[in-house]
Protein backbone atom coordinates (compact mmCIF):
# COMPACT_ATOMS: atom_id res chain seq x y z
CA MET A 1 -147.76 98.44 -10.99
CA THR A 2 -145.96 101.25 -12.57
CA ALA A 3 -142.59 102.90 -11.85
CA THR A 4 -143.53 105.98 -13.80
CA SER A 5 -143.76 109.41 -11.93
CA HIS A 6 -145.89 110.94 -14.62
CA ASP A 7 -149.53 111.69 -13.94
CA LEU A 8 -151.33 109.77 -16.70
CA SER A 9 -154.88 110.57 -15.92
CA TRP A 10 -154.92 112.32 -19.26
CA LEU A 11 -155.11 108.89 -20.97
CA ASP A 12 -158.72 108.68 -19.69
CA ASP A 13 -159.75 111.23 -22.34
CA VAL A 14 -158.11 109.41 -25.14
CA THR A 15 -160.75 108.47 -27.70
CA MET A 16 -160.92 106.06 -30.64
CA SER A 17 -161.77 108.68 -33.18
CA GLU A 18 -158.72 110.65 -32.02
CA LEU A 19 -156.43 107.79 -32.44
CA GLU A 20 -158.02 106.75 -35.83
CA ARG A 21 -157.48 110.06 -36.97
CA ASN A 22 -153.92 110.98 -35.73
CA PRO A 23 -152.50 108.41 -33.11
CA TYR A 24 -148.99 110.27 -33.23
CA PRO A 25 -149.42 112.95 -30.52
CA THR A 26 -150.73 110.48 -28.11
CA TYR A 27 -148.13 107.96 -28.79
CA GLU A 28 -145.35 110.77 -28.72
CA ARG A 29 -146.47 111.74 -25.26
CA LEU A 30 -146.59 107.81 -24.25
CA ARG A 31 -142.96 107.33 -25.44
CA ARG A 32 -141.87 110.23 -23.39
CA GLU A 33 -143.78 109.50 -20.08
CA ALA A 34 -144.69 106.00 -20.17
CA PRO A 35 -143.44 103.27 -22.65
CA ILE A 36 -145.60 100.69 -21.28
CA ALA A 37 -149.06 101.93 -20.27
CA TYR A 38 -152.78 101.26 -19.90
CA VAL A 39 -154.87 102.97 -22.40
CA PRO A 40 -158.49 102.92 -20.98
CA VAL A 41 -160.26 103.25 -24.41
CA LEU A 42 -158.27 100.09 -25.59
CA GLY A 43 -158.73 98.39 -22.44
CA SER A 44 -155.18 97.23 -22.85
CA TYR A 45 -151.58 98.14 -22.07
CA VAL A 46 -149.75 99.39 -24.93
CA ALA A 47 -146.11 99.48 -25.85
CA SER A 48 -144.84 102.46 -27.56
CA THR A 49 -141.19 102.88 -27.78
CA ALA A 50 -138.81 100.48 -30.11
CA GLU A 51 -137.30 99.09 -27.01
CA ALA A 52 -140.54 98.13 -25.34
CA CYS A 53 -142.06 96.76 -28.51
CA ARG A 54 -138.81 94.79 -29.31
CA GLU A 55 -138.68 93.30 -25.75
CA VAL A 56 -142.36 92.27 -25.71
CA ALA A 57 -142.28 90.89 -29.16
CA SER A 58 -139.22 88.76 -28.46
CA SER A 59 -139.41 87.92 -24.71
CA PRO A 60 -139.95 84.27 -23.79
CA HIS A 61 -142.29 85.46 -21.30
CA PHE A 62 -145.09 86.60 -23.69
CA GLU A 63 -146.82 84.84 -26.40
CA GLY A 64 -149.25 85.89 -29.26
CA VAL A 65 -152.70 86.90 -28.50
CA ILE A 66 -155.45 88.58 -30.60
CA THR A 67 -156.97 91.93 -29.63
CA PRO A 68 -160.55 91.40 -28.58
CA ALA A 69 -161.76 93.29 -31.60
CA GLY A 70 -159.60 91.09 -33.66
CA GLY A 71 -160.63 88.03 -32.55
CA ARG A 72 -164.39 88.99 -32.88
CA THR A 73 -163.50 89.65 -36.46
CA PHE A 74 -161.43 86.67 -37.23
CA GLY A 75 -162.43 84.03 -34.89
CA HIS A 76 -160.18 81.12 -34.02
CA PRO A 77 -157.44 79.97 -34.69
CA ALA A 78 -156.28 83.02 -36.61
CA ILE A 79 -152.59 82.89 -37.21
CA ILE A 80 -151.63 86.01 -35.36
CA GLY A 81 -153.23 85.04 -32.24
CA VAL A 82 -152.42 81.49 -31.42
CA ASN A 83 -149.08 79.65 -30.15
CA GLY A 84 -147.56 76.46 -29.62
CA ASP A 85 -148.42 73.47 -31.84
CA ILE A 86 -151.40 75.32 -33.60
CA HIS A 87 -149.24 78.47 -34.52
CA ALA A 88 -146.53 76.15 -35.46
CA GLU A 89 -149.01 74.30 -37.90
CA LEU A 90 -150.48 77.50 -39.45
CA ARG A 91 -146.97 79.09 -39.95
CA GLY A 92 -145.79 75.60 -41.71
CA MET A 93 -148.99 75.73 -43.63
CA VAL A 94 -148.45 79.57 -45.16
CA GLU A 95 -144.56 79.90 -45.04
CA PRO A 96 -143.50 77.56 -47.85
CA GLN A 97 -145.18 79.63 -50.47
CA LEU A 98 -143.78 82.63 -49.10
CA HIS A 99 -140.03 81.67 -48.85
CA PRO A 100 -137.94 84.27 -50.84
CA SER A 101 -136.40 81.48 -53.13
CA GLU A 102 -140.18 80.24 -53.78
CA VAL A 103 -141.41 83.81 -54.17
CA ASP A 104 -138.55 84.71 -56.58
CA THR A 105 -139.93 81.85 -59.00
CA TRP A 106 -143.38 83.37 -59.40
CA VAL A 107 -143.79 86.97 -58.11
CA ASP A 108 -142.73 88.91 -61.28
CA ASP A 109 -144.93 86.86 -63.47
CA LEU A 110 -147.72 87.57 -60.94
CA VAL A 111 -147.39 91.06 -60.13
CA ARG A 112 -146.02 92.78 -63.23
CA PRO A 113 -149.02 92.15 -65.44
CA ILE A 114 -151.40 93.32 -63.10
CA ALA A 115 -149.63 96.42 -62.45
CA ARG A 116 -149.24 97.18 -66.09
CA ASP A 117 -152.75 96.70 -66.73
CA TYR A 118 -153.88 99.18 -64.01
CA ILE A 119 -151.15 101.55 -65.56
CA SER A 120 -152.68 101.33 -68.89
CA LYS A 121 -156.18 102.51 -67.22
CA ILE A 122 -154.76 105.71 -66.22
CA GLU A 123 -151.51 106.82 -67.93
CA ASP A 124 -152.98 108.36 -70.99
CA ARG A 125 -155.48 110.53 -68.72
CA GLY A 126 -152.81 112.61 -67.10
CA HIS A 127 -154.34 112.49 -63.60
CA ALA A 128 -155.58 109.59 -61.01
CA GLU A 129 -156.30 109.15 -57.45
CA LEU A 130 -153.73 106.61 -56.90
CA VAL A 131 -154.51 104.78 -53.59
CA GLY A 132 -157.85 103.77 -55.29
CA GLU A 133 -156.92 103.53 -58.80
CA TYR A 134 -153.75 102.00 -58.31
CA CYS A 135 -151.93 100.81 -55.04
CA GLU A 136 -154.67 99.03 -53.44
CA PRO A 137 -155.99 97.40 -56.76
CA VAL A 138 -152.53 96.23 -57.48
CA SER A 139 -152.10 94.74 -54.05
CA VAL A 140 -155.42 92.97 -53.80
CA ARG A 141 -155.45 91.63 -57.06
CA SER A 142 -151.84 90.12 -56.65
CA LEU A 143 -152.63 88.64 -53.38
CA GLY A 144 -156.18 87.52 -54.58
CA ASP A 145 -154.89 85.84 -57.64
CA LEU A 146 -152.23 84.09 -55.47
CA LEU A 147 -154.86 82.91 -52.98
CA GLY A 148 -157.00 81.35 -56.00
CA LEU A 149 -159.67 84.06 -56.00
CA GLN A 150 -159.30 85.10 -59.60
CA SER A 151 -163.27 85.11 -59.86
CA VAL A 152 -163.56 87.91 -57.38
CA SER A 153 -163.27 91.32 -58.81
CA SER A 154 -160.32 93.63 -57.42
CA ASP A 155 -163.37 96.13 -56.10
CA LYS A 156 -164.80 93.34 -53.99
CA LEU A 157 -161.37 92.26 -52.50
CA ARG A 158 -160.75 96.03 -51.75
CA GLU A 159 -164.33 96.36 -50.13
CA TRP A 160 -163.84 93.04 -48.07
CA PHE A 161 -160.42 94.12 -46.57
CA HIS A 162 -162.04 97.73 -45.68
CA LYS A 163 -164.70 96.04 -43.95
CA LEU A 164 -162.55 93.72 -42.17
CA ASN A 165 -160.51 96.81 -41.15
CA ARG A 166 -163.39 98.66 -39.94
CA SER A 167 -164.17 95.68 -37.65
CA PHE A 168 -160.70 94.68 -36.56
CA THR A 169 -159.96 98.06 -35.40
CA ASN A 170 -163.53 98.67 -33.55
CA ALA A 171 -161.61 98.46 -30.35
CA GLY A 172 -163.13 101.14 -28.09
CA VAL A 173 -164.36 99.50 -24.77
CA ASP A 174 -166.05 101.07 -21.78
CA GLU A 175 -164.97 100.54 -17.97
CA ASN A 176 -166.37 97.06 -17.93
CA GLY A 177 -164.68 96.04 -21.19
CA GLU A 178 -167.57 95.97 -23.16
CA PHE A 179 -167.39 97.34 -26.78
CA THR A 180 -168.63 100.97 -27.08
CA ASN A 181 -169.74 100.34 -30.57
CA PRO A 182 -171.22 96.70 -31.34
CA ASP A 183 -172.61 97.74 -34.59
CA GLY A 184 -168.95 98.54 -35.61
CA PHE A 185 -168.64 94.75 -36.15
CA THR A 186 -171.26 94.50 -38.87
CA PRO A 187 -169.16 95.31 -41.86
CA GLY A 188 -166.70 92.33 -40.90
CA ASP A 189 -169.65 89.91 -40.42
CA GLU A 190 -170.82 90.76 -44.05
CA ALA A 191 -167.44 90.56 -45.63
CA ARG A 192 -167.04 87.15 -43.60
CA ALA A 193 -170.41 85.98 -45.12
CA GLU A 194 -169.67 87.14 -48.60
CA ILE A 195 -166.03 85.48 -48.52
CA GLN A 196 -167.41 82.13 -47.18
CA ALA A 197 -170.12 82.04 -50.03
CA VAL A 198 -167.27 82.54 -52.61
CA VAL A 199 -164.77 80.45 -50.93
CA ASP A 200 -166.84 77.49 -49.75
CA PRO A 201 -167.31 76.11 -53.40
CA LEU A 202 -163.67 76.85 -54.06
CA ILE A 203 -162.49 74.64 -51.40
CA ASP A 204 -164.89 71.95 -52.25
CA LYS A 205 -163.31 71.79 -55.83
CA TRP A 206 -159.66 72.09 -54.19
CA ILE A 207 -160.46 69.07 -51.87
CA GLU A 208 -161.04 66.72 -54.67
CA GLN A 209 -158.71 68.64 -57.29
CA PRO A 210 -155.85 70.36 -55.82
CA GLU A 211 -154.59 73.37 -57.63
CA ASN A 212 -151.38 75.63 -57.32
CA THR A 213 -153.28 78.32 -55.21
CA ALA A 214 -152.32 79.35 -51.69
CA ILE A 215 -155.62 78.13 -50.22
CA SER A 216 -155.27 74.78 -52.01
CA HIS A 217 -151.77 74.20 -50.75
CA TRP A 218 -153.22 75.19 -47.10
CA LEU A 219 -155.71 72.49 -47.37
CA HIS A 220 -153.38 69.64 -48.56
CA ASP A 221 -149.62 70.37 -47.58
CA GLY A 222 -148.23 68.38 -44.70
CA MET A 223 -151.47 66.37 -44.47
CA PRO A 224 -151.67 62.40 -44.71
CA PRO A 225 -152.57 61.11 -47.81
CA GLY A 226 -156.39 61.57 -48.43
CA LYS A 227 -156.84 64.15 -45.71
CA THR A 228 -157.30 67.83 -45.69
CA ARG A 229 -157.49 70.42 -43.17
CA GLU A 230 -160.70 71.61 -42.00
CA ARG A 231 -161.96 74.71 -43.44
CA GLU A 232 -162.98 76.12 -40.13
CA PHE A 233 -159.41 75.81 -39.21
CA ILE A 234 -158.03 77.86 -41.96
CA TYR A 235 -160.66 80.58 -42.35
CA PRO A 236 -159.64 82.50 -39.63
CA THR A 237 -156.20 83.01 -41.34
CA ILE A 238 -157.83 83.34 -44.86
CA TYR A 239 -159.42 86.43 -43.27
CA VAL A 240 -155.93 87.74 -42.00
CA TYR A 241 -154.66 87.61 -45.50
CA LEU A 242 -157.88 89.25 -46.74
CA LEU A 243 -157.33 92.18 -44.43
CA GLY A 244 -153.50 92.61 -43.44
CA ALA A 245 -151.68 90.97 -46.52
CA MET A 246 -153.94 92.95 -48.76
CA GLN A 247 -153.85 96.04 -46.94
CA GLU A 248 -149.96 96.36 -46.23
CA PRO A 249 -148.62 96.33 -49.65
CA GLY A 250 -151.14 98.68 -51.07
CA HIS A 251 -150.85 101.21 -48.18
CA GLY A 252 -146.90 100.82 -47.87
CA MET A 253 -146.70 101.73 -51.70
CA ALA A 254 -149.06 104.75 -51.09
CA SER A 255 -147.37 105.96 -48.09
CA THR A 256 -143.93 105.81 -50.05
CA LEU A 257 -145.21 107.83 -52.67
CA VAL A 258 -146.75 110.24 -50.61
CA GLY A 259 -143.20 110.62 -48.83
CA LEU A 260 -141.30 110.87 -52.22
CA LEU A 261 -143.63 113.38 -53.49
CA GLY A 262 -143.25 115.62 -50.50
CA ARG A 263 -139.37 115.25 -51.41
CA PRO A 264 -139.18 116.09 -55.13
CA ASP A 265 -135.42 115.95 -55.20
CA GLN A 266 -135.74 112.34 -53.63
CA MET A 267 -138.46 111.39 -56.08
CA GLU A 268 -136.24 112.38 -58.99
CA GLU A 269 -133.37 110.26 -57.42
CA VAL A 270 -135.53 107.12 -57.29
CA VAL A 271 -137.12 107.58 -60.79
CA ASP A 272 -133.74 107.89 -62.16
CA ASP A 273 -132.53 104.72 -60.35
CA ALA A 274 -134.76 101.92 -59.74
CA SER A 275 -132.46 100.25 -57.49
CA LEU A 276 -133.10 102.86 -55.03
CA ILE A 277 -136.92 101.62 -54.56
CA PRO A 278 -136.26 99.07 -52.06
CA ARG A 279 -134.60 101.77 -50.00
CA ALA A 280 -137.42 104.12 -50.56
CA VAL A 281 -140.16 101.58 -49.64
CA SER A 282 -138.39 100.68 -46.35
CA GLU A 283 -138.48 104.40 -45.48
CA GLY A 284 -141.95 104.62 -46.29
CA MET A 285 -142.87 101.74 -44.17
CA ARG A 286 -141.12 103.20 -41.34
CA TRP A 287 -142.47 106.53 -41.84
CA THR A 288 -145.94 105.26 -41.80
CA SER A 289 -146.47 101.91 -40.82
CA PRO A 290 -149.48 100.13 -42.51
CA ILE A 291 -149.99 97.56 -39.71
CA TRP A 292 -149.64 100.64 -37.08
CA SER A 293 -150.94 98.76 -33.81
CA ALA A 294 -152.87 95.74 -34.63
CA THR A 295 -150.78 93.08 -33.04
CA ALA A 296 -150.43 91.99 -29.42
CA ARG A 297 -148.84 89.69 -26.94
CA ILE A 298 -149.75 88.60 -23.44
CA SER A 299 -147.70 87.72 -20.51
CA THR A 300 -147.34 84.10 -19.49
CA LYS A 301 -145.99 85.04 -16.06
CA ALA A 302 -145.00 88.05 -13.97
CA VAL A 303 -142.78 90.43 -15.68
CA THR A 304 -141.32 93.87 -15.55
CA ILE A 305 -141.23 95.81 -18.77
CA ALA A 306 -140.10 99.50 -19.23
CA GLY A 307 -140.16 99.77 -15.14
CA VAL A 308 -143.79 98.56 -15.17
CA ASP A 309 -144.66 95.39 -13.36
CA LEU A 310 -147.23 93.24 -15.30
CA PRO A 311 -149.13 90.28 -13.70
CA ALA A 312 -149.51 87.15 -15.71
CA ASN A 313 -152.13 87.06 -18.49
CA THR A 314 -151.68 90.68 -19.13
CA PRO A 315 -152.27 91.76 -22.94
CA VAL A 316 -149.80 94.57 -24.45
CA ILE A 317 -150.53 95.86 -27.78
CA LEU A 318 -147.42 96.45 -29.97
CA SER A 319 -147.91 99.98 -31.56
CA TYR A 320 -145.15 99.28 -34.21
CA GLY A 321 -146.12 102.69 -36.19
CA SER A 322 -145.30 104.65 -32.72
CA ALA A 323 -141.95 102.81 -32.27
CA ASN A 324 -140.99 103.62 -35.83
CA HIS A 325 -141.24 107.33 -34.87
CA ASP A 326 -138.93 106.75 -31.60
CA THR A 327 -136.52 109.54 -31.33
CA GLY A 328 -134.36 107.35 -29.36
CA LYS A 329 -133.76 105.49 -32.71
CA TYR A 330 -134.47 107.76 -35.52
CA ASP A 331 -133.38 111.65 -36.09
CA ALA A 332 -136.60 113.79 -37.05
CA PRO A 333 -138.63 110.50 -37.38
CA THR A 334 -141.84 112.43 -38.80
CA GLU A 335 -139.88 113.34 -41.79
CA TYR A 336 -139.65 111.08 -44.90
CA ASP A 337 -135.92 110.74 -45.70
CA LEU A 338 -134.55 108.42 -48.42
CA HIS A 339 -131.05 109.07 -47.08
CA ARG A 340 -131.59 108.17 -43.38
CA PRO A 341 -129.06 105.56 -42.21
CA PRO A 342 -130.65 102.43 -42.99
CA LEU A 343 -131.38 101.04 -39.34
CA PRO A 344 -134.07 98.23 -38.91
CA HIS A 345 -137.69 99.09 -38.44
CA LEU A 346 -140.49 97.31 -37.01
CA ALA A 347 -143.26 97.57 -39.57
CA PHE A 348 -143.31 93.93 -40.19
CA GLY A 349 -143.37 93.17 -36.35
CA ALA A 350 -140.60 91.24 -34.40
CA GLY A 351 -140.07 87.86 -32.66
CA ASN A 352 -141.97 84.40 -33.93
CA HIS A 353 -145.36 86.27 -34.64
CA ALA A 354 -143.59 88.70 -37.07
CA CYS A 355 -145.15 89.01 -40.60
CA ALA A 356 -144.79 85.81 -42.57
CA GLY A 357 -144.98 87.64 -45.89
CA ILE A 358 -142.15 90.21 -45.47
CA TYR A 359 -140.37 89.16 -48.52
CA TYR A 360 -143.65 89.08 -50.71
CA ALA A 361 -144.79 92.33 -49.68
CA ASN A 362 -141.66 93.97 -50.51
CA GLN A 363 -141.43 92.44 -54.06
CA VAL A 364 -144.98 93.59 -54.55
CA MET A 365 -144.25 97.32 -53.66
CA ARG A 366 -140.98 97.16 -55.55
CA ILE A 367 -142.48 95.89 -58.54
CA GLY A 368 -145.62 98.28 -58.21
CA LEU A 369 -143.49 101.40 -57.96
CA GLU A 370 -140.96 100.27 -60.87
CA GLU A 371 -143.99 99.76 -63.22
CA LEU A 372 -145.48 103.31 -62.11
CA PHE A 373 -142.10 105.10 -62.42
CA GLU A 374 -141.17 103.39 -65.75
CA ALA A 375 -144.61 104.44 -67.29
CA ILE A 376 -145.33 107.86 -65.63
CA PRO A 377 -141.78 109.23 -64.77
CA ASN A 378 -143.17 112.81 -64.50
CA LEU A 379 -145.48 112.04 -61.55
CA GLU A 380 -146.64 114.98 -59.38
CA ARG A 381 -149.10 115.26 -56.27
CA ASP A 382 -152.04 117.32 -57.10
CA THR A 383 -151.66 120.09 -54.52
CA ARG A 384 -155.31 121.06 -55.06
CA GLU A 385 -156.20 118.00 -53.01
CA GLY A 386 -155.01 117.28 -49.63
CA VAL A 387 -153.54 114.00 -48.46
CA GLU A 388 -155.12 112.50 -45.24
CA PHE A 389 -153.98 109.55 -43.32
CA TRP A 390 -156.21 107.43 -41.41
CA GLY A 391 -156.27 104.28 -38.93
CA TRP A 392 -154.65 103.47 -35.62
CA GLY A 393 -154.66 99.83 -36.12
CA PHE A 394 -153.88 99.69 -39.86
CA ARG A 395 -152.70 103.17 -41.37
CA GLY A 396 -152.26 104.81 -44.81
CA PRO A 397 -153.30 107.47 -47.01
CA THR A 398 -157.17 107.56 -47.86
CA SER A 399 -156.33 109.09 -51.21
CA LEU A 400 -153.61 110.40 -53.25
CA HIS A 401 -154.38 112.73 -56.31
CA CYS A 402 -151.79 113.22 -58.63
CA THR A 403 -151.25 114.58 -62.14
CA TRP A 404 -148.62 114.11 -64.92
CA GLU A 405 -148.13 115.56 -68.62
CA VAL A 406 -149.08 112.97 -71.52
């Protein structure tokens, strides 16, 4: 099945805890030895190079599929794992509110007051843990308000996406394809039950009295007069938003900060010139891709990718975080470098299942960093505390302790 001459038996020893802690060494070796390879602990083939990821994501011989752990977490039909008419309806449901021309009309008024509110809680203190006190809260509050969940606290939104994250990435399987940690889905089950308890009454209200919230639009837009979409149809995509769409801007912002703080000269450039923030964010997203390895495709016919023959109905996990460290595309990819030539990256995916919220996410990160650097231009990392990154499916810093003079 494979054209590689390398002995890949070492993959039998790869563990989920190893991938969650630091997937880079495993994927660096995969890029070198087998850009398409079967990883037993994942129960799936993975694509690890930029070329292989793009080829699979854009191939007419592959379609979207959700990973087993993702399917167990979100249910069906989640927008990231369906195709054909269902995928077209779900994309048509969510995309109008996320079109750049539409986002430009409201994103500043939505995000900037939220960012300023969280800055006001920390700026006179002279220190903060910015992942938990700024980046994640700005991200979840912005999306929560967009969805219509103003009644849900930011702490609860953060709790939901962390629980869904743990469930979605509980991907380890045994030789029979059975989950090795079935209890790992309990946090996601708890979050879904809480989400439904909150959202069901809102849906009841929005069915009768539509409002200008994303979920209300999902119920009504494109439907015949007097008809709404069934809540069971949109709930899996609500869960997708409450995980990936909340996680990505917060952790993209945090990773960008870690990168800049490790390059003080580049940090100074960005603080002095806010027009550099989008470039800084793009490099941060490449350097540590928030959606690191959470999407997959499945072959619709026998196909050969990177010299590997894959039968029909073979799932392949797209490891975009690995692709963005491909030395065939990037010089010194493990380094954060604001001045790297602006090559395209894969942090938002590719093909017809690429992230629908690319523009929105970038604007949240831009505005969040604009406000932070305007209010606290002398930000420094507190070197008494380390910075640890975590995650294989979704990845970002677990904390970022900073100080500044007030």
